[in-house]
Amino acid sequence: MSFTWVFLSLFSAFTLATSDALTKKALIRSNEYLVAWFRLVFSLPLLIIIWFFIPRPDLDTIFYRAFLLALPLEILAIVLYIKALRVSPLSLTLPFLSLTPLFLIIVSYLILGEKVSLQGGLGIVFITAGSYTLNIHQVRKGVFKPFKAIVNEKGSVLMICVALIYSVTSSLGKMAIEHSSPLFFGVTYFMAVTALFAPIALRVGRPELKAFIDEKQFNSLFIPGLFYSLMIASHMIAISLTKVAYMISVKRTSILIGIVYGYFIFREKKIGERFLGAVLMFTGFVLIVTAS
């Protein structure tokens, strides 16, 4: 049995976490809309190269419907994602991406008709325990204090919203892939996202655009953009070699990698309890996505 998809999924996780960490550094002095868009722009060269080697599948109405419905949601998720990276520690925001399968229990059933098993329910318990453990130091102030800390941490709230949106876009994406091909959907989708996000980013970020260009702040987004394009490419190739659930569960190791970056690059505190929370949430994620 070939495990090429495992390597590619781990590579996708590494490139995503690295892009996020480098993007967070760029956010220290730059507008989040410009940062988000330029990261996408710098991911385009590799995607354009890949484009020339992708056979065009026969497309139907279902593909276009899923594609067009997912686009505005993806743009909203990007904005919230970048804002979360800017206002809160990586180790306290990235773990909440594991909530996506929790939302998928309902969303995927409504969109794709997928149902949750007993194992999936056990995964929910792990995810809930993990989110609690992220702020376990607050328990001395009251049993429900860790949950209140989640609400009070703006970045965590934003990332929970991102997880909810991703549950919808991932379901729509799966539908589009089933009516095209993984690589074709992935490349054309992110090209479209970059193009449609441009007027929003340039309009909202216009007051800071001149300084962004004159001071060449965009230079700090080249490497994050390159890693982001590598993430997209490896993600799509891996997902074409195995089941979506297997690939995504391995890719979510990006959460743990992100926490390590948070500690070594940004010197984020309470790394021990947050790492434990991330492990619990990741375990729950694996249980959920492998339950079918």
Protein backbone atom coordinates (compact mmCIF):
# COMPACT_ATOMS: atom_id res chain seq x y z
CA MET A 1 0.00 0.00 0.00
CA SER A 2 1.38 3.43 -0.97
CA PHE A 3 1.76 6.02 1.78
CA THR A 4 2.64 8.87 -0.56
CA TRP A 5 -0.54 10.65 0.51
CA VAL A 6 0.62 10.56 4.16
CA PHE A 7 3.85 12.37 3.29
CA LEU A 8 2.01 14.90 1.15
CA SER A 9 -0.60 15.50 3.89
CA LEU A 10 2.11 16.07 6.49
CA PHE A 11 3.90 18.38 4.05
CA SER A 12 0.63 20.26 3.56
CA ALA A 13 0.27 20.61 7.33
CA PHE A 14 3.84 21.87 7.70
CA THR A 15 3.55 24.43 4.88
CA LEU A 16 0.22 25.71 6.22
CA ALA A 17 1.53 26.15 9.77
CA THR A 18 4.73 27.80 8.48
CA SER A 19 2.75 30.19 6.27
CA ASP A 20 0.52 31.11 9.22
CA ALA A 21 3.46 31.77 11.54
CA LEU A 22 5.26 33.95 8.98
CA THR A 23 2.01 35.74 8.18
CA LYS A 24 1.49 36.54 11.86
CA LYS A 25 4.92 38.20 11.90
CA ALA A 26 3.91 40.31 8.91
CA LEU A 27 0.70 41.34 10.65
CA ILE A 28 2.61 43.15 13.37
CA ARG A 29 2.83 46.30 11.25
CA SER A 30 0.59 45.71 8.21
CA ASN A 31 -3.13 45.84 7.36
CA GLU A 32 -4.70 42.39 7.64
CA TYR A 33 -6.67 42.73 4.39
CA LEU A 34 -3.55 43.60 2.40
CA VAL A 35 -1.62 40.83 4.10
CA ALA A 36 -4.30 38.25 3.32
CA TRP A 37 -4.53 39.29 -0.33
CA PHE A 38 -0.80 39.52 -0.98
CA ARG A 39 -0.30 36.07 0.52
CA LEU A 40 -2.81 34.79 -2.04
CA VAL A 41 -1.16 36.79 -4.84
CA PHE A 42 2.25 35.30 -4.08
CA SER A 43 0.70 31.82 -4.15
CA LEU A 44 -0.44 32.33 -7.77
CA PRO A 45 2.81 31.72 -9.71
CA LEU A 46 3.01 28.07 -8.68
CA LEU A 47 -0.73 27.58 -9.15
CA ILE A 48 -0.53 29.06 -12.66
CA ILE A 49 2.27 26.63 -13.53
CA ILE A 50 0.17 23.73 -12.24
CA TRP A 51 -2.78 25.03 -14.26
CA PHE A 52 -1.05 24.20 -17.56
CA PHE A 53 -0.71 20.54 -16.57
CA ILE A 54 -4.30 19.96 -15.43
CA PRO A 55 -6.72 18.31 -17.88
CA ARG A 56 -10.05 20.14 -17.98
CA PRO A 57 -12.85 17.83 -16.82
CA ASP A 58 -16.41 18.00 -18.08
CA LEU A 59 -18.25 20.41 -15.78
CA ASP A 60 -21.93 20.38 -14.92
CA THR A 61 -24.41 22.65 -13.15
CA ILE A 62 -23.72 21.12 -9.73
CA PHE A 63 -20.03 22.01 -10.00
CA TYR A 64 -20.73 25.65 -10.83
CA ARG A 65 -23.36 25.94 -8.12
CA ALA A 66 -21.07 24.55 -5.40
CA PHE A 67 -18.13 26.61 -6.69
CA LEU A 68 -20.01 29.91 -6.69
CA LEU A 69 -21.66 29.33 -3.32
CA ALA A 70 -18.33 28.55 -1.65
CA LEU A 71 -16.41 31.58 -2.98
CA PRO A 72 -17.91 34.40 -0.83
CA LEU A 73 -17.76 32.19 2.26
CA GLU A 74 -14.09 31.43 1.58
CA ILE A 75 -13.30 35.14 1.36
CA LEU A 76 -15.08 35.80 4.66
CA ALA A 77 -13.16 32.95 6.28
CA ILE A 78 -9.83 34.36 5.05
CA VAL A 79 -10.55 37.77 6.60
CA LEU A 80 -11.59 36.27 9.94
CA TYR A 81 -8.63 33.87 9.89
CA ILE A 82 -6.11 36.66 9.40
CA LYS A 83 -7.76 38.81 12.07
CA ALA A 84 -7.58 35.89 14.51
CA LEU A 85 -3.86 35.44 13.84
CA ARG A 86 -3.30 39.15 14.47
CA VAL A 87 -5.14 39.62 17.75
CA SER A 88 -4.44 36.35 19.60
CA PRO A 89 -1.67 33.77 20.20
CA LEU A 90 -1.28 31.00 17.62
CA SER A 91 -1.51 28.37 20.36
CA LEU A 92 -4.90 29.72 21.49
CA THR A 93 -6.49 30.18 18.06
CA LEU A 94 -5.33 27.42 15.69
CA PRO A 95 -6.65 24.52 17.83
CA PHE A 96 -10.20 25.73 17.22
CA LEU A 97 -9.90 24.70 13.59
CA SER A 98 -10.52 21.20 14.96
CA LEU A 99 -14.10 22.30 15.61
CA THR A 100 -14.81 22.05 11.88
CA PRO A 101 -15.79 18.35 12.08
CA LEU A 102 -18.06 19.17 15.01
CA PHE A 103 -19.99 21.57 12.79
CA LEU A 104 -19.77 19.11 9.91
CA ILE A 105 -21.96 16.69 11.85
CA ILE A 106 -24.89 18.95 11.03
CA VAL A 107 -23.68 20.75 7.92
CA SER A 108 -22.50 17.68 6.01
CA TYR A 109 -25.79 15.95 6.81
CA LEU A 110 -27.76 18.90 5.42
CA ILE A 111 -25.60 19.28 2.29
CA LEU A 112 -24.32 15.76 1.60
CA GLY A 113 -26.59 13.55 3.69
CA GLU A 114 -23.72 12.21 5.84
CA LYS A 115 -24.55 10.84 9.29
CA VAL A 116 -22.51 10.62 12.51
CA SER A 117 -21.71 7.30 14.21
CA LEU A 118 -21.05 6.50 17.86
CA GLN A 119 -17.33 6.99 17.22
CA GLY A 120 -18.09 10.43 15.88
CA GLY A 121 -19.92 11.26 19.11
CA LEU A 122 -16.85 10.20 21.09
CA GLY A 123 -14.82 12.57 18.96
CA ILE A 124 -17.09 15.42 20.05
CA VAL A 125 -16.27 14.64 23.69
CA PHE A 126 -12.54 14.87 22.96
CA ILE A 127 -12.95 18.17 21.13
CA THR A 128 -14.99 19.66 23.97
CA ALA A 129 -12.41 18.48 26.52
CA GLY A 130 -9.65 19.94 24.40
CA SER A 131 -11.27 23.36 24.14
CA TYR A 132 -11.75 23.31 27.92
CA THR A 133 -8.11 22.39 28.52
CA LEU A 134 -6.87 25.34 26.45
CA ASN A 135 -7.75 27.57 29.40
CA ILE A 136 -7.54 25.06 32.26
CA HIS A 137 -5.52 27.52 34.37
CA GLN A 138 -8.76 29.49 34.71
CA VAL A 139 -10.54 26.63 36.49
CA ARG A 140 -9.40 27.85 39.89
CA LYS A 141 -11.64 30.87 39.30
CA GLY A 142 -14.65 28.68 38.64
CA VAL A 143 -15.60 25.52 36.77
CA PHE A 144 -16.97 27.45 33.78
CA LYS A 145 -14.19 30.03 33.71
CA PRO A 146 -12.23 28.33 30.87
CA PHE A 147 -15.28 28.55 28.61
CA LYS A 148 -15.68 32.22 29.51
CA ALA A 149 -12.01 32.73 28.63
CA ILE A 150 -12.69 31.35 25.16
CA VAL A 151 -15.46 33.90 24.66
CA ASN A 152 -13.28 36.71 26.00
CA GLU A 153 -10.39 35.83 23.66
CA LYS A 154 -11.34 37.56 20.40
CA GLY A 155 -9.02 35.45 18.26
CA SER A 156 -10.58 32.24 19.56
CA VAL A 157 -14.09 33.48 18.76
CA LEU A 158 -13.00 34.47 15.25
CA MET A 159 -11.38 31.09 14.65
CA ILE A 160 -14.52 29.28 15.81
CA CYS A 161 -16.41 31.28 13.16
CA VAL A 162 -13.78 30.23 10.62
CA ALA A 163 -14.25 26.58 11.61
CA LEU A 164 -17.99 26.93 11.07
CA ILE A 165 -17.51 28.50 7.64
CA TYR A 166 -14.98 25.82 6.67
CA SER A 167 -17.54 23.14 7.49
CA VAL A 168 -19.76 24.65 4.80
CA THR A 169 -17.03 25.32 2.23
CA SER A 170 -15.49 21.87 2.70
CA SER A 171 -18.87 20.26 2.07
CA LEU A 172 -19.40 22.41 -1.02
CA GLY A 173 -15.83 21.72 -2.08
CA LYS A 174 -16.36 17.98 -1.83
CA MET A 175 -19.44 18.34 -3.98
CA ALA A 176 -17.49 20.34 -6.59
CA ILE A 177 -14.61 17.83 -6.60
CA GLU A 178 -17.02 14.96 -7.19
CA HIS A 179 -18.20 16.80 -10.31
CA SER A 180 -14.74 17.81 -11.61
CA SER A 181 -11.34 16.74 -10.23
CA PRO A 182 -9.37 17.60 -7.06
CA LEU A 183 -6.54 19.50 -8.78
CA PHE A 184 -8.80 21.35 -11.21
CA PHE A 185 -11.11 22.49 -8.43
CA GLY A 186 -8.30 23.46 -6.07
CA VAL A 187 -6.32 25.57 -8.53
CA THR A 188 -9.29 27.31 -10.19
CA TYR A 189 -10.93 27.90 -6.82
CA PHE A 190 -7.98 29.72 -5.26
CA MET A 191 -7.38 31.70 -8.44
CA ALA A 192 -10.99 32.88 -8.25
CA VAL A 193 -10.69 33.64 -4.53
CA THR A 194 -7.60 35.79 -5.18
CA ALA A 195 -9.31 37.72 -7.98
CA LEU A 196 -12.55 38.34 -6.08
CA PHE A 197 -10.79 39.29 -2.84
CA ALA A 198 -8.65 41.92 -4.62
CA PRO A 199 -11.18 44.81 -4.73
CA ILE A 200 -12.15 44.19 -1.10
CA ALA A 201 -8.56 44.15 0.15
CA LEU A 202 -7.48 47.18 -1.90
CA ARG A 203 -10.52 49.22 -0.90
CA VAL A 204 -10.43 48.46 2.83
CA GLY A 205 -6.65 48.65 2.98
CA ARG A 206 -6.35 51.77 0.80
CA PRO A 207 -5.42 54.14 3.69
CA GLU A 208 -2.37 51.97 4.37
CA LEU A 209 -1.67 50.87 0.80
CA LYS A 210 0.85 53.62 -0.01
CA ALA A 211 2.95 52.86 3.06
CA PHE A 212 2.54 49.16 2.37
CA ILE A 213 4.06 49.65 -1.09
CA ASP A 214 6.59 52.41 -0.33
CA GLU A 215 8.01 50.55 2.66
CA LYS A 216 7.91 47.29 0.69
CA GLN A 217 5.99 45.57 3.47
CA PHE A 218 4.68 43.14 0.85
CA ASN A 219 8.16 41.59 0.68
CA SER A 220 7.44 39.81 3.94
CA LEU A 221 4.51 38.02 2.30
CA PHE A 222 6.46 36.37 -0.51
CA ILE A 223 7.65 33.40 1.54
CA PRO A 224 4.26 32.91 3.30
CA GLY A 225 2.63 33.00 -0.15
CA LEU A 226 5.07 30.42 -1.49
CA PHE A 227 4.39 28.10 1.45
CA TYR A 228 0.65 28.69 0.97
CA SER A 229 0.85 27.61 -2.69
CA LEU A 230 2.82 24.52 -1.69
CA MET A 231 0.10 23.77 0.84
CA ILE A 232 -2.62 24.04 -1.82
CA ALA A 233 -0.72 21.87 -4.31
CA SER A 234 0.22 19.13 -1.83
CA HIS A 235 -3.28 19.22 -0.34
CA MET A 236 -4.94 18.62 -3.70
CA ILE A 237 -2.54 15.89 -4.80
CA ALA A 238 -2.84 14.09 -1.45
CA ILE A 239 -6.62 14.29 -1.47
CA SER A 240 -6.66 12.70 -4.92
CA LEU A 241 -4.67 9.70 -3.65
CA THR A 242 -6.79 8.73 -0.63
CA LYS A 243 -10.06 9.34 1.18
CA VAL A 244 -10.77 12.94 2.13
CA ALA A 245 -11.23 12.01 5.81
CA TYR A 246 -7.79 10.38 6.03
CA MET A 247 -6.00 13.26 4.35
CA ILE A 248 -7.67 16.03 6.37
CA SER A 249 -7.08 14.25 9.69
CA VAL A 250 -3.33 14.04 8.97
CA LYS A 251 -3.23 17.64 7.73
CA ARG A 252 -4.66 18.88 11.04
CA THR A 253 -1.24 18.24 12.58
CA SER A 254 -0.75 21.83 11.42
CA ILE A 255 -2.44 22.77 14.70
CA LEU A 256 0.30 21.16 16.74
CA ILE A 257 3.03 22.58 14.49
CA GLY A 258 1.46 26.02 14.89
CA ILE A 259 1.61 25.74 18.67
CA VAL A 260 5.31 24.89 18.49
CA TYR A 261 5.87 27.96 16.28
CA GLY A 262 3.90 30.04 18.79
CA TYR A 263 6.27 29.01 21.56
CA PHE A 264 9.61 29.33 19.75
CA ILE A 265 8.89 32.35 17.54
CA PHE A 266 6.43 34.43 19.57
CA ARG A 267 7.33 33.15 23.07
CA GLU A 268 3.67 32.44 23.84
CA LYS A 269 2.99 31.36 27.41
CA LYS A 270 1.08 28.46 28.99
CA ILE A 271 2.23 26.31 26.09
CA GLY A 272 1.95 23.11 28.12
CA GLU A 273 -1.79 23.31 28.78
CA ARG A 274 -2.52 24.53 25.26
CA PHE A 275 -0.53 21.70 23.70
CA LEU A 276 -2.53 19.19 25.74
CA GLY A 277 -5.74 20.86 24.60
CA ALA A 278 -4.61 20.73 20.98
CA VAL A 279 -3.78 17.03 21.27
CA LEU A 280 -7.20 16.27 22.73
CA MET A 281 -8.94 18.31 20.04
CA PHE A 282 -6.88 16.67 17.30
CA THR A 283 -7.72 13.22 18.70
CA GLY A 284 -11.39 14.11 18.58
CA PHE A 285 -10.97 15.34 15.01
CA VAL A 286 -9.39 12.03 13.96
CA LEU A 287 -12.15 10.04 15.64
CA ILE A 288 -14.83 12.06 13.86
CA VAL A 289 -13.39 12.04 10.35
CA THR A 290 -12.54 8.33 10.48
CA ALA A 291 -15.88 7.33 11.93
CA SER A 292 -17.56 6.74 8.57
